[in-house]
């Protein structure tokens, strides 16, 4: 979630800076960001994160599924013990 917030903040900041400084400055900022993104060191880290996520996704899915089933079972037990009063 933090990554999404930072991404949106970066978009807004880029828009504001671009609008204030004009199209030319915006293009300079965009070109700088593109240069950083295309840097081999950055791309290496991007691939490392992608590989990590691909490796861990099944484990996370299993854990989330088990947690959801346990939560559902607890809710069902609580409702059986104390039914909802209307």
PDB file of N, CA and C in Angstrom:
ATOM      1  N   UNK A   1       0.818  -1.185   0.000  1.00  0.00           N
ATOM      2  CA  UNK A   1       0.000   0.000   0.000  1.00  0.00           C
ATOM      3  C   UNK A   1       0.862   1.249   0.000  1.00  0.00           C
ATOM      4  N   UNK A   2       1.958   1.199   0.755  1.00  0.00           N
ATOM      5  CA  UNK A   2       2.851   2.349   0.826  1.00  0.00           C
ATOM      6  C   UNK A   2       3.410   2.684  -0.551  1.00  0.00           C
ATOM      7  N   UNK A   3       3.719   1.658  -1.335  1.00  0.00           N
ATOM      8  CA  UNK A   3       4.247   1.858  -2.680  1.00  0.00           C
ATOM      9  C   UNK A   3       3.245   2.559  -3.585  1.00  0.00           C
ATOM     10  N   UNK A   4       1.973   2.191  -3.456  1.00  0.00           N
ATOM     11  CA  UNK A   4       0.933   2.825  -4.264  1.00  0.00           C
ATOM     12  C   UNK A   4       0.793   4.294  -3.906  1.00  0.00           C
ATOM     13  N   UNK A   5       0.841   4.579  -2.615  1.00  0.00           N
ATOM     14  CA  UNK A   5       0.724   5.968  -2.164  1.00  0.00           C
ATOM     15  C   UNK A   5       1.899   6.788  -2.689  1.00  0.00           C
ATOM     16  N   UNK A   6       3.094   6.238  -2.604  1.00  0.00           N
ATOM     17  CA  UNK A   6       4.263   6.952  -3.116  1.00  0.00           C
ATOM     18  C   UNK A   6       4.180   7.156  -4.624  1.00  0.00           C
ATOM     19  N   UNK A   7       3.671   6.176  -5.336  1.00  0.00           N
ATOM     20  CA  UNK A   7       3.526   6.288  -6.781  1.00  0.00           C
ATOM     21  C   UNK A   7       2.562   7.418  -7.132  1.00  0.00           C
ATOM     22  N   UNK A   8       1.406   7.449  -6.463  1.00  0.00           N
ATOM     23  CA  UNK A   8       0.422   8.501  -6.724  1.00  0.00           C
ATOM     24  C   UNK A   8       1.006   9.861  -6.353  1.00  0.00           C
ATOM     25  N   UNK A   9       1.704   9.936  -5.235  1.00  0.00           N
ATOM     26  CA  UNK A   9       2.332  11.189  -4.831  1.00  0.00           C
ATOM     27  C   UNK A   9       3.330  11.641  -5.888  1.00  0.00           C
ATOM     28  N   UNK A  10       4.122  10.718  -6.425  1.00  0.00           N
ATOM     29  CA  UNK A  10       5.079  11.051  -7.469  1.00  0.00           C
ATOM     30  C   UNK A  10       4.398  11.569  -8.720  1.00  0.00           C
ATOM     31  N   UNK A  11       3.271  10.952  -9.080  1.00  0.00           N
ATOM     32  CA  UNK A  11       2.521  11.436 -10.240  1.00  0.00           C
ATOM     33  C   UNK A  11       2.016  12.858 -10.023  1.00  0.00           C
ATOM     34  N   UNK A  12       1.467  13.100  -8.855  1.00  0.00           N
ATOM     35  CA  UNK A  12       0.947  14.434  -8.548  1.00  0.00           C
ATOM     36  C   UNK A  12       2.073  15.451  -8.531  1.00  0.00           C
ATOM     37  N   UNK A  13       3.162  15.105  -7.906  1.00  0.00           N
ATOM     38  CA  UNK A  13       4.314  16.016  -7.851  1.00  0.00           C
ATOM     39  C   UNK A  13       4.831  16.317  -9.247  1.00  0.00           C
ATOM     40  N   UNK A  14       4.943  15.299 -10.075  1.00  0.00           N
ATOM     41  CA  UNK A  14       5.382  15.504 -11.446  1.00  0.00           C
ATOM     42  C   UNK A  14       4.435  16.402 -12.219  1.00  0.00           C
ATOM     43  N   UNK A  15       3.143  16.212 -12.007  1.00  0.00           N
ATOM     44  CA  UNK A  15       2.154  17.047 -12.689  1.00  0.00           C
ATOM     45  C   UNK A  15       2.271  18.502 -12.250  1.00  0.00           C
ATOM     46  N   UNK A  16       2.358  18.708 -10.939  1.00  0.00           N
ATOM     47  CA  UNK A  16       2.445  20.078 -10.423  1.00  0.00           C
ATOM     48  C   UNK A  16       3.717  20.759 -10.908  1.00  0.00           C
ATOM     49  N   UNK A  17       4.829  20.072 -10.804  1.00  0.00           N
ATOM     50  CA  UNK A  17       6.087  20.664 -11.271  1.00  0.00           C
ATOM     51  C   UNK A  17       6.032  20.937 -12.766  1.00  0.00           C
ATOM     52  N   UNK A  18       5.462  20.023 -13.508  1.00  0.00           N
ATOM     53  CA  UNK A  18       5.345  20.216 -14.942  1.00  0.00           C
ATOM     54  C   UNK A  18       4.448  21.383 -15.293  1.00  0.00           C
ATOM     55  N   UNK A  19       3.350  21.518 -14.565  1.00  0.00           N
ATOM     56  CA  UNK A  19       2.414  22.605 -14.840  1.00  0.00           C
ATOM     57  C   UNK A  19       3.024  23.957 -14.484  1.00  0.00           C
ATOM     58  N   UNK A  20       3.766  24.012 -13.412  1.00  0.00           N
ATOM     59  CA  UNK A  20       4.364  25.281 -12.985  1.00  0.00           C
ATOM     60  C   UNK A  20       5.538  25.680 -13.870  1.00  0.00           C
ATOM     61  N   UNK A  21       6.363  24.745 -14.210  1.00  0.00           N
ATOM     62  CA  UNK A  21       7.584  25.068 -14.943  1.00  0.00           C
ATOM     63  C   UNK A  21       7.384  25.022 -16.454  1.00  0.00           C
ATOM     64  N   UNK A  22       6.242  24.564 -16.881  1.00  0.00           N
ATOM     65  CA  UNK A  22       5.991  24.488 -18.307  1.00  0.00           C
ATOM     66  C   UNK A  22       6.356  23.139 -18.887  1.00  0.00           C
ATOM     67  N   UNK A  23       5.992  22.972 -20.125  1.00  0.00           N
ATOM     68  CA  UNK A  23       6.173  21.692 -20.804  1.00  0.00           C
ATOM     69  C   UNK A  23       7.645  21.302 -20.915  1.00  0.00           C
ATOM     70  N   UNK A  24       8.510  22.265 -21.161  1.00  0.00           N
ATOM     71  CA  UNK A  24       9.938  21.963 -21.333  1.00  0.00           C
ATOM     72  C   UNK A  24      10.533  21.357 -20.066  1.00  0.00           C
ATOM     73  N   UNK A  25      10.238  21.965 -18.940  1.00  0.00           N
ATOM     74  CA  UNK A  25      10.763  21.451 -17.669  1.00  0.00           C
ATOM     75  C   UNK A  25      10.157  20.085 -17.364  1.00  0.00           C
ATOM     76  N   UNK A  26       8.887  19.924 -17.673  1.00  0.00           N
ATOM     77  CA  UNK A  26       8.235  18.635 -17.472  1.00  0.00           C
ATOM     78  C   UNK A  26       8.946  17.546 -18.273  1.00  0.00           C
ATOM     79  N   UNK A  27       9.271  17.857 -19.505  1.00  0.00           N
ATOM     80  CA  UNK A  27       9.974  16.889 -20.346  1.00  0.00           C
ATOM     81  C   UNK A  27      11.358  16.565 -19.781  1.00  0.00           C
ATOM     82  N   UNK A  28      12.014  17.548 -19.192  1.00  0.00           N
ATOM     83  CA  UNK A  28      13.314  17.304 -18.564  1.00  0.00           C
ATOM     84  C   UNK A  28      13.165  16.361 -17.373  1.00  0.00           C
ATOM     85  N   UNK A  29      12.162  16.609 -16.568  1.00  0.00           N
ATOM     86  CA  UNK A  29      11.912  15.757 -15.397  1.00  0.00           C
ATOM     87  C   UNK A  29      11.575  14.337 -15.848  1.00  0.00           C
ATOM     88  N   UNK A  30      10.705  14.224 -16.848  1.00  0.00           N
ATOM     89  CA  UNK A  30      10.304  12.923 -17.355  1.00  0.00           C
ATOM     90  C   UNK A  30      11.501  12.162 -17.923  1.00  0.00           C
ATOM     91  N   UNK A  31      12.351  12.873 -18.668  1.00  0.00           N
ATOM     92  CA  UNK A  31      13.533  12.236 -19.247  1.00  0.00           C
ATOM     93  C   UNK A  31      14.484  11.756 -18.144  1.00  0.00           C
ATOM     94  N   UNK A  32      14.621  12.552 -17.090  1.00  0.00           N
ATOM     95  CA  UNK A  32      15.472  12.149 -15.965  1.00  0.00           C
ATOM     96  C   UNK A  32      14.937  10.912 -15.269  1.00  0.00           C
ATOM     97  N   UNK A  33      13.613  10.888 -15.070  1.00  0.00           N
ATOM     98  CA  UNK A  33      12.996   9.726 -14.429  1.00  0.00           C
ATOM     99  C   UNK A  33      13.147   8.482 -15.309  1.00  0.00           C
ATOM    100  N   UNK A  34      12.975   8.650 -16.604  1.00  0.00           N
ATOM    101  CA  UNK A  34      13.129   7.528 -17.540  1.00  0.00           C
ATOM    102  C   UNK A  34      14.560   7.013 -17.520  1.00  0.00           C
ATOM    103  N   UNK A  35      15.510   7.919 -17.444  1.00  0.00           N
ATOM    104  CA  UNK A  35      16.927   7.529 -17.413  1.00  0.00           C
ATOM    105  C   UNK A  35      17.223   6.697 -16.162  1.00  0.00           C
ATOM    106  N   UNK A  36      16.684   7.153 -15.029  1.00  0.00           N
ATOM    107  CA  UNK A  36      16.886   6.406 -13.778  1.00  0.00           C
ATOM    108  C   UNK A  36      16.229   5.031 -13.888  1.00  0.00           C
ATOM    109  N   UNK A  37      14.998   4.980 -14.418  1.00  0.00           N
ATOM    110  CA  UNK A  37      14.275   3.718 -14.528  1.00  0.00           C
ATOM    111  C   UNK A  37      15.019   2.731 -15.419  1.00  0.00           C
ATOM    112  N   UNK A  38      15.646   3.211 -16.475  1.00  0.00           N
ATOM    113  CA  UNK A  38      16.343   2.345 -17.415  1.00  0.00           C
ATOM    114  C   UNK A  38      17.747   1.956 -16.959  1.00  0.00           C
ATOM    115  N   UNK A  39      18.202   2.527 -15.860  1.00  0.00           N
ATOM    116  CA  UNK A  39      19.526   2.205 -15.331  1.00  0.00           C
ATOM    117  C   UNK A  39      19.602   0.701 -15.041  1.00  0.00           C
ATOM    118  N   UNK A  40      20.663   0.044 -15.468  1.00  0.00           N
ATOM    119  CA  UNK A  40      20.773  -1.412 -15.247  1.00  0.00           C
ATOM    120  C   UNK A  40      20.684  -1.808 -13.774  1.00  0.00           C
ATOM    121  N   UNK A  41      21.203  -0.976 -12.888  1.00  0.00           N
ATOM    122  CA  UNK A  41      21.131  -1.308 -11.452  1.00  0.00           C
ATOM    123  C   UNK A  41      19.687  -1.303 -10.964  1.00  0.00           C
ATOM    124  N   UNK A  42      18.910  -0.332 -11.433  1.00  0.00           N
ATOM    125  CA  UNK A  42      17.505  -0.265 -11.042  1.00  0.00           C
ATOM    126  C   UNK A  42      16.755  -1.461 -11.617  1.00  0.00           C
ATOM    127  N   UNK A  43      16.982  -1.753 -12.875  1.00  0.00           N
ATOM    128  CA  UNK A  43      16.303  -2.879 -13.509  1.00  0.00           C
ATOM    129  C   UNK A  43      16.676  -4.210 -12.847  1.00  0.00           C
ATOM    130  N   UNK A  44      17.906  -4.332 -12.404  1.00  0.00           N
ATOM    131  CA  UNK A  44      18.332  -5.543 -11.694  1.00  0.00           C
ATOM    132  C   UNK A  44      17.504  -5.705 -10.415  1.00  0.00           C
ATOM    133  N   UNK A  45      17.314  -4.603  -9.705  1.00  0.00           N
ATOM    134  CA  UNK A  45      16.520  -4.665  -8.474  1.00  0.00           C
ATOM    135  C   UNK A  45      15.052  -4.950  -8.778  1.00  0.00           C
ATOM    136  N   UNK A  46      14.539  -4.376  -9.852  1.00  0.00           N
ATOM    137  CA  UNK A  46      13.155  -4.645 -10.254  1.00  0.00           C
ATOM    138  C   UNK A  46      12.981  -6.132 -10.526  1.00  0.00           C
ATOM    139  N   UNK A  47      13.906  -6.717 -11.249  1.00  0.00           N
ATOM    140  CA  UNK A  47      13.816  -8.150 -11.548  1.00  0.00           C
ATOM    141  C   UNK A  47      13.965  -8.999 -10.290  1.00  0.00           C
ATOM    142  N   UNK A  48      14.804  -8.562  -9.367  1.00  0.00           N
ATOM    143  CA  UNK A  48      14.962  -9.277  -8.106  1.00  0.00           C
ATOM    144  C   UNK A  48      13.645  -9.296  -7.339  1.00  0.00           C
ATOM    145  N   UNK A  49      12.986  -8.152  -7.280  1.00  0.00           N
ATOM    146  CA  UNK A  49      11.699  -8.061  -6.578  1.00  0.00           C
ATOM    147  C   UNK A  49      10.642  -8.897  -7.295  1.00  0.00           C
ATOM    148  N   UNK A  50      10.607  -8.830  -8.616  1.00  0.00           N
ATOM    149  CA  UNK A  50       9.644  -9.637  -9.373  1.00  0.00           C
ATOM    150  C   UNK A  50       9.844 -11.125  -9.100  1.00  0.00           C
ATOM    151  N   UNK A  51      11.082 -11.571  -9.124  1.00  0.00           N
ATOM    152  CA  UNK A  51      11.371 -12.982  -8.862  1.00  0.00           C
ATOM    153  C   UNK A  51      10.964 -13.376  -7.447  1.00  0.00           C
ATOM    154  N   UNK A  52      11.226 -12.506  -6.479  1.00  0.00           N
ATOM    155  CA  UNK A  52      10.866 -12.776  -5.086  1.00  0.00           C
ATOM    156  C   UNK A  52       9.351 -12.917  -4.958  1.00  0.00           C
ATOM    157  N   UNK A  53       8.618 -11.999  -5.581  1.00  0.00           N
ATOM    158  CA  UNK A  53       7.157 -12.039  -5.498  1.00  0.00           C
ATOM    159  C   UNK A  53       6.624 -13.302  -6.160  1.00  0.00           C
ATOM    160  N   UNK A  54       7.163 -13.647  -7.322  1.00  0.00           N
ATOM    161  CA  UNK A  54       6.719 -14.871  -8.003  1.00  0.00           C
ATOM    162  C   UNK A  54       6.992 -16.105  -7.147  1.00  0.00           C
ATOM    163  N   UNK A  55       8.110 -16.086  -6.425  1.00  0.00           N
ATOM    164  CA  UNK A  55       8.480 -17.213  -5.586  1.00  0.00           C
ATOM    165  C   UNK A  55       7.588 -17.310  -4.348  1.00  0.00           C
ATOM    166  N   UNK A  56       7.251 -16.173  -3.762  1.00  0.00           N
ATOM    167  CA  UNK A  56       6.510 -16.163  -2.500  1.00  0.00           C
ATOM    168  C   UNK A  56       4.999 -16.120  -2.670  1.00  0.00           C
ATOM    169  N   UNK A  57       4.493 -15.785  -3.843  1.00  0.00           N
ATOM    170  CA  UNK A  57       3.050 -15.639  -4.047  1.00  0.00           C
ATOM    171  C   UNK A  57       2.252 -16.879  -3.638  1.00  0.00           C
ATOM    172  N   UNK A  58       2.669 -18.090  -4.017  1.00  0.00           N
ATOM    173  CA  UNK A  58       1.885 -19.266  -3.597  1.00  0.00           C
ATOM    174  C   UNK A  58       1.826 -19.421  -2.073  1.00  0.00           C
ATOM    175  N   UNK A  59       2.924 -19.155  -1.390  1.00  0.00           N
ATOM    176  CA  UNK A  59       2.937 -19.260   0.070  1.00  0.00           C
ATOM    177  C   UNK A  59       1.988 -18.237   0.692  1.00  0.00           C
ATOM    178  N   UNK A  60       2.033 -17.031   0.183  1.00  0.00           N
ATOM    179  CA  UNK A  60       1.184 -15.963   0.720  1.00  0.00           C
ATOM    180  C   UNK A  60      -0.279 -16.293   0.459  1.00  0.00           C
ATOM    181  N   UNK A  61      -0.573 -16.819  -0.721  1.00  0.00           N
ATOM    182  CA  UNK A  61      -1.948 -17.199  -1.056  1.00  0.00           C
ATOM    183  C   UNK A  61      -2.446 -18.274  -0.104  1.00  0.00           C
ATOM    184  N   UNK A  62      -1.621 -19.271   0.169  1.00  0.00           N
ATOM    185  CA  UNK A  62      -2.016 -20.337   1.097  1.00  0.00           C
ATOM    186  C   UNK A  62      -2.266 -19.787   2.498  1.00  0.00           C
ATOM    187  N   UNK A  63      -1.366 -18.932   2.976  1.00  0.00           N
ATOM    188  CA  UNK A  63      -1.527 -18.364   4.317  1.00  0.00           C
ATOM    189  C   UNK A  63      -2.795 -17.518   4.402  1.00  0.00           C
ATOM    190  N   UNK A  64      -3.049 -16.714   3.378  1.00  0.00           N
ATOM    191  CA  UNK A  64      -4.246 -15.866   3.379  1.00  0.00           C
ATOM    192  C   UNK A  64      -5.506 -16.721   3.349  1.00  0.00           C
ATOM    193  N   UNK A  65      -5.476 -17.786   2.575  1.00  0.00           N
ATOM    194  CA  UNK A  65      -6.626 -18.679   2.488  1.00  0.00           C
ATOM    195  C   UNK A  65      -6.908 -19.342   3.837  1.00  0.00           C
ATOM    196  N   UNK A  66      -5.852 -19.821   4.475  1.00  0.00           N
ATOM    197  CA  UNK A  66      -6.032 -20.453   5.794  1.00  0.00           C
ATOM    198  C   UNK A  66      -6.549 -19.450   6.819  1.00  0.00           C
ATOM    199  N   UNK A  67      -6.019 -18.226   6.790  1.00  0.00           N
ATOM    200  CA  UNK A  67      -6.461 -17.197   7.736  1.00  0.00           C
ATOM    201  C   UNK A  67      -7.937 -16.858   7.514  1.00  0.00           C
ATOM    202  N   UNK A  68      -8.349 -16.767   6.255  1.00  0.00           N
ATOM    203  CA  UNK A  68      -9.749 -16.468   5.948  1.00  0.00           C
ATOM    204  C   UNK A  68     -10.663 -17.596   6.429  1.00  0.00           C
ATOM    205  N   UNK A  69     -10.249 -18.841   6.206  1.00  0.00           N
ATOM    206  CA  UNK A  69     -11.055 -19.979   6.660  1.00  0.00           C
ATOM    207  C   UNK A  69     -11.173 -19.990   8.179  1.00  0.00           C
ATOM    208  N   UNK A  70     -10.069 -19.707   8.870  1.00  0.00           N
ATOM    209  CA  UNK A  70     -10.101 -19.672  10.337  1.00  0.00           C
ATOM    210  C   UNK A  70     -11.010 -18.552  10.834  1.00  0.00           C
ATOM    211  N   UNK A  71     -10.930 -17.396  10.212  1.00  0.00           N
ATOM    212  CA  UNK A  71     -11.774 -16.272  10.622  1.00  0.00           C
ATOM    213  C   UNK A  71     -13.245 -16.610  10.399  1.00  0.00           C
ATOM    214  N   UNK A  72     -13.545 -17.208   9.254  1.00  0.00           N
ATOM    215  CA  UNK A  72     -14.926 -17.591   8.963  1.00  0.00           C
ATOM    216  C   UNK A  72     -15.435 -18.604   9.986  1.00  0.00           C
ATOM    217  N   UNK A  73     -14.605 -19.561  10.341  1.00  0.00           N
ATOM    218  CA  UNK A  73     -15.002 -20.573  11.329  1.00  0.00           C
ATOM    219  C   UNK A  73     -15.271 -19.927  12.688  1.00  0.00           C
ATOM    220  N   UNK A  74     -14.438 -18.974  13.081  1.00  0.00           N
ATOM    221  CA  UNK A  74     -14.639 -18.292  14.366  1.00  0.00           C
ATOM    222  C   UNK A  74     -15.928 -17.482  14.364  1.00  0.00           C
ATOM    223  N   UNK A  75     -16.220 -16.828  13.264  1.00  0.00           N
ATOM    224  CA  UNK A  75     -17.472 -16.061  13.164  1.00  0.00           C
ATOM    225  C   UNK A  75     -18.657 -17.002  13.247  1.00  0.00           C
ATOM    226  N   UNK A  76     -18.563 -18.126  12.547  1.00  0.00           N
ATOM    227  CA  UNK A  76     -19.651 -19.105  12.572  1.00  0.00           C
ATOM    228  C   UNK A  76     -19.860 -19.626  13.996  1.00  0.00           C
ATOM    229  N   UNK A  77     -18.769 -19.919  14.706  1.00  0.00           N
ATOM    230  CA  UNK A  77     -18.880 -20.386  16.101  1.00  0.00           C
ATOM    231  C   UNK A  77     -19.513 -19.326  16.984  1.00  0.00           C
ATOM    232  N   UNK A  78     -19.093 -18.095  16.817  1.00  0.00           N
ATOM    233  CA  UNK A  78     -19.639 -17.006  17.642  1.00  0.00           C
ATOM    234  C   UNK A  78     -21.128 -16.815  17.385  1.00  0.00           C
ATOM    235  N   UNK A  79     -21.536 -16.925  16.141  1.00  0.00           N
ATOM    236  CA  UNK A  79     -22.956 -16.773  15.818  1.00  0.00           C
ATOM    237  C   UNK A  79     -23.769 -17.953  16.358  1.00  0.00           C
ATOM    238  N   UNK A  80     -23.157 -19.145  16.393  1.00  0.00           N
ATOM    239  CA  UNK A  80     -23.861 -20.327  16.906  1.00  0.00           C
ATOM    240  C   UNK A  80     -24.060 -20.202  18.413  1.00  0.00           C
ATOM    241  N   UNK A  81     -23.076 -19.642  19.083  1.00  0.00           N
ATOM    242  CA  UNK A  81     -23.153 -19.477  20.538  1.00  0.00           C
ATOM    243  C   UNK A  81     -24.114 -18.354  20.893  1.00  0.00           C
ATOM    244  N   UNK A  82     -24.062 -17.270  20.154  1.00  0.00           N
ATOM    245  CA  UNK A  82     -24.902 -16.111  20.458  1.00  0.00           C
ATOM    246  C   UNK A  82     -25.552 -15.631  19.156  1.00  0.00           C
ATOM    247  N   UNK A  83     -26.697 -16.170  18.804  1.00  0.00           N
ATOM    248  CA  UNK A  83     -27.360 -15.778  17.564  1.00  0.00           C
ATOM    249  C   UNK A  83     -27.706 -14.293  17.562  1.00  0.00           C
ATOM    250  N   UNK A  84     -27.758 -13.740  16.368  1.00  0.00           N
ATOM    251  CA  UNK A  84     -28.073 -12.320  16.206  1.00  0.00           C
ATOM    252  C   UNK A  84     -29.514 -12.074  16.646  1.00  0.00           C
ATOM    253  N   UNK A  85     -29.694 -11.021  17.397  1.00  0.00           N
ATOM    254  CA  UNK A  85     -31.008 -10.652  17.897  1.00  0.00           C
ATOM    255  C   UNK A  85     -31.547  -9.551  17.010  1.00  0.00           C
ATOM    256  N   UNK A  86     -32.777  -9.752  16.479  1.00  0.00           N
ATOM    257  CA  UNK A  86     -33.407  -8.732  15.618  1.00  0.00           C
ATOM    258  C   UNK A  86     -34.501  -8.024  16.327  1.00  0.00           C
TER     259      UNK A  86
END
